[in-house]
Amino acid sequence: MRLFVTGASGHIGSALVPDLLAAGHTVVGLARSDASAAALATAGAEIRRGTLDDLGGLREAVADNPSSNVATRTLLKWETTHPGLLADLAETHYFA
């Protein structure tokens, strides 16, 4: 499965990404900085540059990965300030 993971270089993501890759999944990790992108590339993940502040970019990233899962706590926070975001993304995507 192709998985889009936000927070992929963070505390939880840095443990999750290697496990997903070892299980045979393709991981596309959201990276804000060069250091995050380098860490994800070293782990074997594909890189999607961007931030959680760019809702259009997030929608595009999910659309680019039609069978993706989005693993993040932060999207839940965005739903309070951007009503409908999760509903828009969840129409065709599974949230883990």
PDB file of N, CA and C in Angstrom:
ATOM      1  N   MET A   1       0.850  -1.175   0.000  1.00  0.00           N
ATOM      2  CA  MET A   1       0.000   0.000   0.000  1.00  0.00           C
ATOM      3  C   MET A   1       0.893   1.235   0.000  1.00  0.00           C
ATOM      4  N   ARG A   2       0.432   2.269  -0.663  1.00  0.00           N
ATOM      5  CA  ARG A   2       1.150   3.549  -0.694  1.00  0.00           C
ATOM      6  C   ARG A   2       0.570   4.422   0.419  1.00  0.00           C
ATOM      7  N   LEU A   3       1.429   4.860   1.322  1.00  0.00           N
ATOM      8  CA  LEU A   3       0.985   5.580   2.515  1.00  0.00           C
ATOM      9  C   LEU A   3       1.577   6.976   2.556  1.00  0.00           C
ATOM     10  N   PHE A   4       0.737   7.983   2.708  1.00  0.00           N
ATOM     11  CA  PHE A   4       1.186   9.355   2.912  1.00  0.00           C
ATOM     12  C   PHE A   4       1.164   9.617   4.408  1.00  0.00           C
ATOM     13  N   VAL A   5       2.313   9.966   4.970  1.00  0.00           N
ATOM     14  CA  VAL A   5       2.445  10.117   6.418  1.00  0.00           C
ATOM     15  C   VAL A   5       2.922  11.526   6.745  1.00  0.00           C
ATOM     16  N   THR A   6       2.094  12.261   7.475  1.00  0.00           N
ATOM     17  CA  THR A   6       2.541  13.551   7.993  1.00  0.00           C
ATOM     18  C   THR A   6       3.210  13.287   9.338  1.00  0.00           C
ATOM     19  N   GLY A   7       4.130  14.150   9.719  1.00  0.00           N
ATOM     20  CA  GLY A   7       4.868  13.916  10.962  1.00  0.00           C
ATOM     21  C   GLY A   7       5.817  12.738  10.833  1.00  0.00           C
ATOM     22  N   ALA A   8       6.188  12.413   9.599  1.00  0.00           N
ATOM     23  CA  ALA A   8       6.979  11.206   9.337  1.00  0.00           C
ATOM     24  C   ALA A   8       8.380  11.249   9.944  1.00  0.00           C
ATOM     25  N   SER A   9       8.913  12.424  10.168  1.00  0.00           N
ATOM     26  CA  SER A   9      10.253  12.513  10.757  1.00  0.00           C
ATOM     27  C   SER A   9      10.205  12.868  12.241  1.00  0.00           C
ATOM     28  N   GLY A  10       9.015  12.954  12.790  1.00  0.00           N
ATOM     29  CA  GLY A  10       8.856  13.281  14.203  1.00  0.00           C
ATOM     30  C   GLY A  10       9.079  12.076  15.094  1.00  0.00           C
ATOM     31  N   HIS A  11       8.764  12.243  16.362  1.00  0.00           N
ATOM     32  CA  HIS A  11       9.014  11.209  17.369  1.00  0.00           C
ATOM     33  C   HIS A  11       8.307   9.893  17.021  1.00  0.00           C
ATOM     34  N   ILE A  12       7.027   9.963  16.736  1.00  0.00           N
ATOM     35  CA  ILE A  12       6.265   8.752  16.407  1.00  0.00           C
ATOM     36  C   ILE A  12       6.547   8.324  14.976  1.00  0.00           C
ATOM     37  N   GLY A  13       6.527   9.283  14.053  1.00  0.00           N
ATOM     38  CA  GLY A  13       6.748   8.965  12.647  1.00  0.00           C
ATOM     39  C   GLY A  13       8.078   8.307  12.378  1.00  0.00           C
ATOM     40  N   SER A  14       9.133   8.725  13.085  1.00  0.00           N
ATOM     41  CA  SER A  14      10.456   8.147  12.847  1.00  0.00           C
ATOM     42  C   SER A  14      10.522   6.685  13.284  1.00  0.00           C
ATOM     43  N   ALA A  15       9.612   6.257  14.136  1.00  0.00           N
ATOM     44  CA  ALA A  15       9.507   4.839  14.497  1.00  0.00           C
ATOM     45  C   ALA A  15       8.542   4.119  13.563  1.00  0.00           C
ATOM     46  N   LEU A  16       7.509   4.826  13.136  1.00  0.00           N
ATOM     47  CA  LEU A  16       6.484   4.232  12.287  1.00  0.00           C
ATOM     48  C   LEU A  16       6.969   3.971  10.866  1.00  0.00           C
ATOM     49  N   VAL A  17       7.672   4.927  10.272  1.00  0.00           N
ATOM     50  CA  VAL A  17       8.091   4.816   8.869  1.00  0.00           C
ATOM     51  C   VAL A  17       8.926   3.560   8.610  1.00  0.00           C
ATOM     52  N   PRO A  18       9.961   3.274   9.399  1.00  0.00           N
ATOM     53  CA  PRO A  18      10.730   2.053   9.135  1.00  0.00           C
ATOM     54  C   PRO A  18       9.889   0.780   9.234  1.00  0.00           C
ATOM     55  N   ASP A  19       8.942   0.763  10.170  1.00  0.00           N
ATOM     56  CA  ASP A  19       8.064  -0.405  10.300  1.00  0.00           C
ATOM     57  C   ASP A  19       7.176  -0.562   9.075  1.00  0.00           C
ATOM     58  N   LEU A  20       6.647   0.542   8.575  1.00  0.00           N
ATOM     59  CA  LEU A  20       5.808   0.482   7.378  1.00  0.00           C
ATOM     60  C   LEU A  20       6.612   0.014   6.170  1.00  0.00           C
ATOM     61  N   LEU A  21       7.823   0.547   6.034  1.00  0.00           N
ATOM     62  CA  LEU A  21       8.685   0.137   4.924  1.00  0.00           C
ATOM     63  C   LEU A  21       9.051  -1.334   5.035  1.00  0.00           C
ATOM     64  N   ALA A  22       9.364  -1.782   6.237  1.00  0.00           N
ATOM     65  CA  ALA A  22       9.721  -3.194   6.451  1.00  0.00           C
ATOM     66  C   ALA A  22       8.548  -4.121   6.138  1.00  0.00           C
ATOM     67  N   ALA A  23       7.343  -3.607   6.294  1.00  0.00           N
ATOM     68  CA  ALA A  23       6.151  -4.406   6.002  1.00  0.00           C
ATOM     69  C   ALA A  23       5.823  -4.392   4.507  1.00  0.00           C
ATOM     70  N   GLY A  24       6.650  -3.707   3.719  1.00  0.00           N
ATOM     71  CA  GLY A  24       6.477  -3.711   2.274  1.00  0.00           C
ATOM     72  C   GLY A  24       5.673  -2.565   1.699  1.00  0.00           C
ATOM     73  N   HIS A  25       5.327  -1.588   2.542  1.00  0.00           N
ATOM     74  CA  HIS A  25       4.563  -0.442   2.061  1.00  0.00           C
ATOM     75  C   HIS A  25       5.492   0.594   1.430  1.00  0.00           C
ATOM     76  N   THR A  26       4.953   1.387   0.530  1.00  0.00           N
ATOM     77  CA  THR A  26       5.654   2.561   0.017  1.00  0.00           C
ATOM     78  C   THR A  26       5.218   3.731   0.885  1.00  0.00           C
ATOM     79  N   VAL A  27       6.178   4.458   1.427  1.00  0.00           N
ATOM     80  CA  VAL A  27       5.870   5.575   2.324  1.00  0.00           C
ATOM     81  C   VAL A  27       6.265   6.885   1.652  1.00  0.00           C
ATOM     82  N   VAL A  28       5.325   7.813   1.641  1.00  0.00           N
ATOM     83  CA  VAL A  28       5.579   9.180   1.195  1.00  0.00           C
ATOM     84  C   VAL A  28       5.467  10.041   2.440  1.00  0.00           C
ATOM     85  N   GLY A  29       6.577  10.634   2.863  1.00  0.00           N
ATOM     86  CA  GLY A  29       6.592  11.408   4.093  1.00  0.00           C
ATOM     87  C   GLY A  29       6.592  12.900   3.840  1.00  0.00           C
ATOM     88  N   LEU A  30       5.775  13.625   4.594  1.00  0.00           N
ATOM     89  CA  LEU A  30       5.743  15.079   4.511  1.00  0.00           C
ATOM     90  C   LEU A  30       6.959  15.628   5.249  1.00  0.00           C
ATOM     91  N   ALA A  31       7.747  16.453   4.549  1.00  0.00           N
ATOM     92  CA  ALA A  31       8.963  17.013   5.147  1.00  0.00           C
ATOM     93  C   ALA A  31       8.953  18.524   4.991  1.00  0.00           C
ATOM     94  N   ARG A  32       9.098  19.223   6.093  1.00  0.00           N
ATOM     95  CA  ARG A  32       9.140  20.687   6.081  1.00  0.00           C
ATOM     96  C   ARG A  32      10.569  21.183   5.848  1.00  0.00           C
ATOM     97  N   SER A  33      11.539  20.510   6.425  1.00  0.00           N
ATOM     98  CA  SER A  33      12.916  20.995   6.365  1.00  0.00           C
ATOM     99  C   SER A  33      13.814  20.057   5.557  1.00  0.00           C
ATOM    100  N   ASP A  34      14.985  20.573   5.215  1.00  0.00           N
ATOM    101  CA  ASP A  34      15.976  19.747   4.528  1.00  0.00           C
ATOM    102  C   ASP A  34      16.399  18.573   5.407  1.00  0.00           C
ATOM    103  N   ALA A  35      16.533  18.819   6.704  1.00  0.00           N
ATOM    104  CA  ALA A  35      16.951  17.756   7.624  1.00  0.00           C
ATOM    105  C   ALA A  35      15.905  16.643   7.681  1.00  0.00           C
ATOM    106  N   SER A  36      14.631  17.030   7.716  1.00  0.00           N
ATOM    107  CA  SER A  36      13.556  16.028   7.733  1.00  0.00           C
ATOM    108  C   SER A  36      13.543  15.240   6.428  1.00  0.00           C
ATOM    109  N   ALA A  37      13.714  15.936   5.320  1.00  0.00           N
ATOM    110  CA  ALA A  37      13.737  15.264   4.017  1.00  0.00           C
ATOM    111  C   ALA A  37      14.902  14.279   3.940  1.00  0.00           C
ATOM    112  N   ALA A  38      16.061  14.679   4.448  1.00  0.00           N
ATOM    113  CA  ALA A  38      17.231  13.798   4.423  1.00  0.00           C
ATOM    114  C   ALA A  38      17.007  12.563   5.293  1.00  0.00           C
ATOM    115  N   ALA A  39      16.409  12.754   6.465  1.00  0.00           N
ATOM    116  CA  ALA A  39      16.153  11.614   7.356  1.00  0.00           C
ATOM    117  C   ALA A  39      15.175  10.635   6.712  1.00  0.00           C
ATOM    118  N   LEU A  40      14.152  11.146   6.062  1.00  0.00           N
ATOM    119  CA  LEU A  40      13.181  10.271   5.401  1.00  0.00           C
ATOM    120  C   LEU A  40      13.804   9.541   4.218  1.00  0.00           C
ATOM    121  N   ALA A  41      14.621  10.256   3.455  1.00  0.00           N
ATOM    122  CA  ALA A  41      15.285   9.622   2.313  1.00  0.00           C
ATOM    123  C   ALA A  41      16.223   8.519   2.791  1.00  0.00           C
ATOM    124  N   THR A  42      16.936   8.767   3.863  1.00  0.00           N
ATOM    125  CA  THR A  42      17.840   7.759   4.426  1.00  0.00           C
ATOM    126  C   THR A  42      17.069   6.526   4.869  1.00  0.00           C
ATOM    127  N   ALA A  43      15.868   6.734   5.386  1.00  0.00           N
ATOM    128  CA  ALA A  43      15.034   5.614   5.832  1.00  0.00           C
ATOM    129  C   ALA A  43      14.454   4.832   4.655  1.00  0.00           C
ATOM    130  N   GLY A  44      14.445   5.472   3.467  1.00  0.00           N
ATOM    131  CA  GLY A  44      13.912   4.795   2.293  1.00  0.00           C
ATOM    132  C   GLY A  44      12.544   5.275   1.854  1.00  0.00           C
ATOM    133  N   ALA A  45      12.079   6.353   2.459  1.00  0.00           N
ATOM    134  CA  ALA A  45      10.763   6.902   2.119  1.00  0.00           C
ATOM    135  C   ALA A  45      10.886   7.887   0.961  1.00  0.00           C
ATOM    136  N   GLU A  46       9.785   8.080   0.261  1.00  0.00           N
ATOM    137  CA  GLU A  46       9.693   9.151  -0.719  1.00  0.00           C
ATOM    138  C   GLU A  46       9.391  10.436   0.042  1.00  0.00           C
ATOM    139  N   ILE A  47       9.748  11.568  -0.550  1.00  0.00           N
ATOM    140  CA  ILE A  47       9.613  12.854   0.131  1.00  0.00           C
ATOM    141  C   ILE A  47       8.537  13.690  -0.533  1.00  0.00           C
ATOM    142  N   ARG A  48       7.704  14.293   0.272  1.00  0.00           N
ATOM    143  CA  ARG A  48       6.754  15.310  -0.183  1.00  0.00           C
ATOM    144  C   ARG A  48       7.051  16.553   0.646  1.00  0.00           C
ATOM    145  N   ARG A  49       7.600  17.598   0.018  1.00  0.00           N
ATOM    146  CA  ARG A  49       7.927  18.811   0.758  1.00  0.00           C
ATOM    147  C   ARG A  49       6.657  19.615   0.994  1.00  0.00           C
ATOM    148  N   GLY A  50       6.529  20.175   2.199  1.00  0.00           N
ATOM    149  CA  GLY A  50       5.386  21.005   2.522  1.00  0.00           C
ATOM    150  C   GLY A  50       5.211  21.146   4.013  1.00  0.00           C
ATOM    151  N   THR A  51       4.111  21.788   4.387  1.00  0.00           N
ATOM    152  CA  THR A  51       3.796  22.006   5.794  1.00  0.00           C
ATOM    153  C   THR A  51       2.322  21.724   6.041  1.00  0.00           C
ATOM    154  N   LEU A  52       1.971  21.567   7.288  1.00  0.00           N
ATOM    155  CA  LEU A  52       0.573  21.363   7.655  1.00  0.00           C
ATOM    156  C   LEU A  52      -0.236  22.646   7.532  1.00  0.00           C
ATOM    157  N   ASP A  53       0.449  23.780   7.394  1.00  0.00           N
ATOM    158  CA  ASP A  53      -0.244  25.051   7.204  1.00  0.00           C
ATOM    159  C   ASP A  53      -0.791  25.201   5.791  1.00  0.00           C
ATOM    160  N   ASP A  54      -0.281  24.419   4.857  1.00  0.00           N
ATOM    161  CA  ASP A  54      -0.681  24.501   3.451  1.00  0.00           C
ATOM    162  C   ASP A  54      -1.755  23.458   3.162  1.00  0.00           C
ATOM    163  N   LEU A  55      -3.015  23.821   3.452  1.00  0.00           N
ATOM    164  CA  LEU A  55      -4.109  22.871   3.290  1.00  0.00           C
ATOM    165  C   LEU A  55      -4.277  22.429   1.846  1.00  0.00           C
ATOM    166  N   GLY A  56      -4.055  23.337   0.915  1.00  0.00           N
ATOM    167  CA  GLY A  56      -4.126  22.969  -0.498  1.00  0.00           C
ATOM    168  C   GLY A  56      -3.070  21.944  -0.849  1.00  0.00           C
ATOM    169  N   GLY A  57      -1.869  22.127  -0.314  1.00  0.00           N
ATOM    170  CA  GLY A  57      -0.793  21.167  -0.544  1.00  0.00           C
ATOM    171  C   GLY A  57      -1.087  19.805   0.057  1.00  0.00           C
ATOM    172  N   LEU A  58      -1.740  19.803   1.233  1.00  0.00           N
ATOM    173  CA  LEU A  58      -2.116  18.529   1.851  1.00  0.00           C
ATOM    174  C   LEU A  58      -3.152  17.805   1.012  1.00  0.00           C
ATOM    175  N   ARG A  59      -4.132  18.558   0.548  1.00  0.00           N
ATOM    176  CA  ARG A  59      -5.154  17.942  -0.306  1.00  0.00           C
ATOM    177  C   ARG A  59      -4.519  17.370  -1.574  1.00  0.00           C
ATOM    178  N   GLU A  60      -3.586  18.129  -2.152  1.00  0.00           N
ATOM    179  CA  GLU A  60      -2.893  17.678  -3.359  1.00  0.00           C
ATOM    180  C   GLU A  60      -2.060  16.431  -3.078  1.00  0.00           C
ATOM    181  N   ALA A  61      -1.379  16.418  -1.950  1.00  0.00           N
ATOM    182  CA  ALA A  61      -0.550  15.260  -1.601  1.00  0.00           C
ATOM    183  C   ALA A  61      -1.396  14.013  -1.437  1.00  0.00           C
ATOM    184  N   VAL A  62      -2.544  14.152  -0.808  1.00  0.00           N
ATOM    185  CA  VAL A  62      -3.431  13.010  -0.633  1.00  0.00           C
ATOM    186  C   VAL A  62      -3.993  12.580  -1.982  1.00  0.00           C
ATOM    187  N   ALA A  63      -4.345  13.546  -2.826  1.00  0.00           N
ATOM    188  CA  ALA A  63      -4.874  13.217  -4.152  1.00  0.00           C
ATOM    189  C   ALA A  63      -3.817  12.510  -5.003  1.00  0.00           C
ATOM    190  N   ASP A  64      -2.549  12.858  -4.808  1.00  0.00           N
ATOM    191  CA  ASP A  64      -1.452  12.232  -5.552  1.00  0.00           C
ATOM    192  C   ASP A  64      -1.205  10.798  -5.103  1.00  0.00           C
ATOM    193  N   ASN A  65      -1.753  10.413  -3.974  1.00  0.00           N
ATOM    194  CA  ASN A  65      -1.568   9.071  -3.415  1.00  0.00           C
ATOM    195  C   ASN A  65      -2.945   8.469  -3.181  1.00  0.00           C
ATOM    196  N   PRO A  66      -3.621   8.029  -4.256  1.00  0.00           N
ATOM    197  CA  PRO A  66      -5.026   7.644  -4.138  1.00  0.00           C
ATOM    198  C   PRO A  66      -5.317   6.492  -3.195  1.00  0.00           C
ATOM    199  N   SER A  67      -4.353   5.684  -2.869  1.00  0.00           N
ATOM    200  CA  SER A  67      -4.612   4.602  -1.913  1.00  0.00           C
ATOM    201  C   SER A  67      -3.897   4.867  -0.594  1.00  0.00           C
ATOM    202  N   SER A  68      -3.743   6.155  -0.263  1.00  0.00           N
ATOM    203  CA  SER A  68      -2.940   6.509   0.903  1.00  0.00           C
ATOM    204  C   SER A  68      -3.708   6.458   2.207  1.00  0.00           C
ATOM    205  N   ASN A  69      -2.963   6.268   3.270  1.00  0.00           N
ATOM    206  CA  ASN A  69      -3.442   6.488   4.633  1.00  0.00           C
ATOM    207  C   ASN A  69      -2.750   7.750   5.112  1.00  0.00           C
ATOM    208  N   VAL A  70      -3.409   8.541   5.902  1.00  0.00           N
ATOM    209  CA  VAL A  70      -2.776   9.717   6.487  1.00  0.00           C
ATOM    210  C   VAL A  70      -2.677   9.470   7.982  1.00  0.00           C
ATOM    211  N   ALA A  71      -1.479   9.421   8.493  1.00  0.00           N
ATOM    212  CA  ALA A  71      -1.275   9.172   9.920  1.00  0.00           C
ATOM    213  C   ALA A  71      -0.826  10.475  10.576  1.00  0.00           C
ATOM    214  N   THR A  72      -1.704  11.077  11.322  1.00  0.00           N
ATOM    215  CA  THR A  72      -1.344  12.311  12.013  1.00  0.00           C
ATOM    216  C   THR A  72      -2.365  12.664  13.077  1.00  0.00           C
ATOM    217  N   ARG A  73      -1.901  13.278  14.112  1.00  0.00           N
ATOM    218  CA  ARG A  73      -2.800  13.832  15.122  1.00  0.00           C
ATOM    219  C   ARG A  73      -3.209  15.235  14.712  1.00  0.00           C
ATOM    220  N   THR A  74      -2.348  15.890  13.964  1.00  0.00           N
ATOM    221  CA  THR A  74      -2.518  17.301  13.688  1.00  0.00           C
ATOM    222  C   THR A  74      -3.720  17.593  12.806  1.00  0.00           C
ATOM    223  N   LEU A  75      -4.067  16.710  11.881  1.00  0.00           N
ATOM    224  CA  LEU A  75      -5.234  16.966  11.044  1.00  0.00           C
ATOM    225  C   LEU A  75      -6.498  17.102  11.882  1.00  0.00           C
ATOM    226  N   LEU A  76      -6.539  16.392  12.986  1.00  0.00           N
ATOM    227  CA  LEU A  76      -7.698  16.513  13.863  1.00  0.00           C
ATOM    228  C   LEU A  76      -7.809  17.921  14.425  1.00  0.00           C
ATOM    229  N   LYS A  77      -6.668  18.515  14.739  1.00  0.00           N
ATOM    230  CA  LYS A  77      -6.643  19.885  15.237  1.00  0.00           C
ATOM    231  C   LYS A  77      -7.151  20.849  14.159  1.00  0.00           C
ATOM    232  N   TRP A  78      -6.761  20.611  12.908  1.00  0.00           N
ATOM    233  CA  TRP A  78      -7.156  21.498  11.821  1.00  0.00           C
ATOM    234  C   TRP A  78      -8.664  21.478  11.592  1.00  0.00           C
ATOM    235  N   GLU A  79      -9.311  20.386  11.885  1.00  0.00           N
ATOM    236  CA  GLU A  79     -10.750  20.300  11.667  1.00  0.00           C
ATOM    237  C   GLU A  79     -11.496  21.373  12.462  1.00  0.00           C
ATOM    238  N   THR A  80     -10.958  21.781  13.603  1.00  0.00           N
ATOM    239  CA  THR A  80     -11.636  22.787  14.414  1.00  0.00           C
ATOM    240  C   THR A  80     -11.568  24.173  13.778  1.00  0.00           C
ATOM    241  N   THR A  81     -10.498  24.459  13.054  1.00  0.00           N
ATOM    242  CA  THR A  81     -10.356  25.772  12.418  1.00  0.00           C
ATOM    243  C   THR A  81     -10.689  25.756  10.939  1.00  0.00           C
ATOM    244  N   HIS A  82     -10.750  24.564  10.350  1.00  0.00           N
ATOM    245  CA  HIS A  82     -11.074  24.414   8.930  1.00  0.00           C
ATOM    246  C   HIS A  82     -12.160  23.347   8.793  1.00  0.00           C
ATOM    247  N   PRO A  83     -13.389  23.667   9.219  1.00  0.00           N
ATOM    248  CA  PRO A  83     -14.460  22.675   9.194  1.00  0.00           C
ATOM    249  C   PRO A  83     -14.606  22.046   7.811  1.00  0.00           C
ATOM    250  N   GLY A  84     -14.756  20.747   7.813  1.00  0.00           N
ATOM    251  CA  GLY A  84     -14.941  20.026   6.559  1.00  0.00           C
ATOM    252  C   GLY A  84     -13.669  19.448   5.977  1.00  0.00           C
ATOM    253  N   LEU A  85     -12.500  19.832   6.511  1.00  0.00           N
ATOM    254  CA  LEU A  85     -11.242  19.321   5.970  1.00  0.00           C
ATOM    255  C   LEU A  85     -11.203  17.801   6.010  1.00  0.00           C
ATOM    256  N   LEU A  86     -11.479  17.230   7.170  1.00  0.00           N
ATOM    257  CA  LEU A  86     -11.417  15.770   7.277  1.00  0.00           C
ATOM    258  C   LEU A  86     -12.477  15.110   6.412  1.00  0.00           C
ATOM    259  N   ALA A  87     -13.648  15.703   6.357  1.00  0.00           N
ATOM    260  CA  ALA A  87     -14.703  15.132   5.518  1.00  0.00           C
ATOM    261  C   ALA A  87     -14.278  15.145   4.055  1.00  0.00           C
ATOM    262  N   ASP A  88     -13.661  16.245   3.609  1.00  0.00           N
ATOM    263  CA  ASP A  88     -13.191  16.328   2.231  1.00  0.00           C
ATOM    264  C   ASP A  88     -12.167  15.238   1.938  1.00  0.00           C
ATOM    265  N   LEU A  89     -11.204  15.089   2.822  1.00  0.00           N
ATOM    266  CA  LEU A  89     -10.146  14.105   2.601  1.00  0.00           C
ATOM    267  C   LEU A  89     -10.646  12.681   2.797  1.00  0.00           C
ATOM    268  N   ALA A  90     -11.583  12.487   3.721  1.00  0.00           N
ATOM    269  CA  ALA A  90     -12.046  11.138   4.047  1.00  0.00           C
ATOM    270  C   ALA A  90     -12.980  10.555   3.001  1.00  0.00           C
ATOM    271  N   GLU A  91     -13.445  11.375   2.075  1.00  0.00           N
ATOM    272  CA  GLU A  91     -14.335  10.851   1.041  1.00  0.00           C
ATOM    273  C   GLU A  91     -13.693   9.698   0.285  1.00  0.00           C
ATOM    274  N   THR A  92     -12.387   9.790   0.059  1.00  0.00           N
ATOM    275  CA  THR A  92     -11.705   8.747  -0.708  1.00  0.00           C
ATOM    276  C   THR A  92     -10.495   8.153  -0.002  1.00  0.00           C
ATOM    277  N   HIS A  93     -10.281   8.530   1.260  1.00  0.00           N
ATOM    278  CA  HIS A  93      -9.068   8.096   1.947  1.00  0.00           C
ATOM    279  C   HIS A  93      -9.374   7.596   3.343  1.00  0.00           C
ATOM    280  N   TYR A  94      -8.551   6.679   3.785  1.00  0.00           N
ATOM    281  CA  TYR A  94      -8.664   6.106   5.114  1.00  0.00           C
ATOM    282  C   TYR A  94      -7.680   6.786   6.044  1.00  0.00           C
ATOM    283  N   PHE A  95      -8.128   7.172   7.215  1.00  0.00           N
ATOM    284  CA  PHE A  95      -7.258   7.810   8.192  1.00  0.00           C
ATOM    285  C   PHE A  95      -6.898   6.808   9.282  1.00  0.00           C
ATOM    286  N   ALA A  96      -5.603   6.607   9.488  1.00  0.00           N
ATOM    287  CA  ALA A  96      -5.133   5.670  10.511  1.00  0.00           C
ATOM    288  C   ALA A  96      -4.784   6.426  11.771  1.00  0.00           C
TER     289      ALA A  96
END
